[in-house]
Amino acid sequence: MKNKSKYIDIFITSLSIDKKKFNEKLKYNEIPEWDSIAHMTLMSGLEEGFNISLDTDDIVDFSSFKKGMEILKKYKVN
């Protein structure tokens, strides 16, 4: 994924987490920072950052950092 560092930056910024707390095994609701409101902030950040519009099903399925990478591939974000 060429845009991986951008993806990571959007994750850290949108969820307002410390870079030291970030890891690629993050899952929705596993940390207090990634709640439903932060999830929508993350989705908005990804849409803006990659100039895409996520489908509702993809927003719901976006349950982890790794799942997010799979979903973004559908939008030609590699």
Protein backbone atom coordinates (compact mmCIF):
# COMPACT_ATOMS: atom_id res chain seq x y z
CA MET A 1 0.00 0.00 0.00
CA LYS A 2 1.73 3.14 -1.24
CA ASN A 3 -0.57 5.36 0.77
CA LYS A 4 -0.01 3.45 4.01
CA SER A 5 1.77 6.29 5.82
CA LYS A 6 -1.05 8.66 4.86
CA TYR A 7 -3.57 6.07 6.07
CA ILE A 8 -1.74 5.77 9.39
CA ASP A 9 -1.59 9.56 9.79
CA ILE A 10 -5.33 9.86 9.15
CA PHE A 11 -5.96 7.12 11.72
CA ILE A 12 -3.83 8.80 14.39
CA THR A 13 -5.26 12.25 13.73
CA SER A 14 -8.90 11.20 13.43
CA LEU A 15 -8.85 9.07 16.56
CA SER A 16 -6.66 11.54 18.47
CA ILE A 17 -4.33 8.82 19.66
CA ASP A 18 -0.69 9.00 20.59
CA LYS A 19 1.62 7.63 17.88
CA LYS A 20 3.05 5.28 20.51
CA LYS A 21 -0.40 3.80 21.11
CA PHE A 22 -0.98 3.13 17.41
CA ASN A 23 -0.49 -0.37 16.02
CA GLU A 24 -1.83 -2.18 12.99
CA LYS A 25 -3.91 -4.53 15.14
CA LEU A 26 -6.28 -1.76 16.25
CA LYS A 27 -9.93 -2.74 16.22
CA TYR A 28 -13.10 -0.72 16.61
CA ASN A 29 -14.11 -0.24 20.25
CA GLU A 30 -10.94 -1.93 21.54
CA ILE A 31 -9.55 1.41 22.65
CA PRO A 32 -11.62 4.22 24.20
CA GLU A 33 -10.54 6.63 21.45
CA TRP A 34 -12.22 4.56 18.72
CA ASP A 35 -15.88 4.88 19.59
CA SER A 36 -18.83 5.52 17.26
CA ILE A 37 -18.20 9.26 17.03
CA ALA A 38 -14.48 8.82 16.37
CA HIS A 39 -15.39 6.20 13.77
CA MET A 40 -17.36 8.76 11.77
CA THR A 41 -14.51 11.26 12.15
CA LEU A 42 -12.16 8.60 10.79
CA MET A 43 -14.46 7.85 7.85
CA SER A 44 -14.68 11.55 7.03
CA GLY A 45 -10.91 11.89 7.30
CA LEU A 46 -10.39 8.98 4.91
CA GLU A 47 -12.89 10.36 2.43
CA GLU A 48 -11.21 13.76 2.46
CA GLY A 49 -7.66 12.43 2.55
CA PHE A 50 -8.13 10.03 -0.36
CA ASN A 51 -10.84 11.96 -2.23
CA ILE A 52 -13.32 9.06 -2.12
CA SER A 53 -16.88 8.49 -0.96
CA LEU A 54 -17.30 5.38 1.17
CA ASP A 55 -20.45 3.28 0.83
CA THR A 56 -22.53 2.80 3.97
CA ASP A 57 -21.79 -0.94 3.98
CA ASP A 58 -18.05 -0.21 3.92
CA ILE A 59 -18.37 2.25 6.80
CA VAL A 60 -20.16 -0.41 8.86
CA ASP A 61 -17.66 -3.13 7.86
CA PHE A 62 -14.66 -0.91 8.73
CA SER A 63 -13.94 -2.77 11.96
CA SER A 64 -10.15 -2.68 12.15
CA PHE A 65 -7.05 -1.07 10.70
CA LYS A 66 -6.40 -4.13 8.52
CA LYS A 67 -10.02 -4.41 7.36
CA GLY A 68 -9.79 -0.74 6.42
CA MET A 69 -6.86 -1.46 4.11
CA GLU A 70 -8.94 -4.12 2.33
CA ILE A 71 -11.89 -1.76 1.98
CA LEU A 72 -9.74 1.07 0.62
CA LYS A 73 -8.43 -1.20 -2.14
CA LYS A 74 -11.98 -1.23 -3.55
CA TYR A 75 -11.61 2.53 -4.01
CA LYS A 76 -8.25 2.20 -5.77
CA VAL A 77 -6.33 3.35 -2.69
CA ASN A 78 -3.26 1.13 -2.64
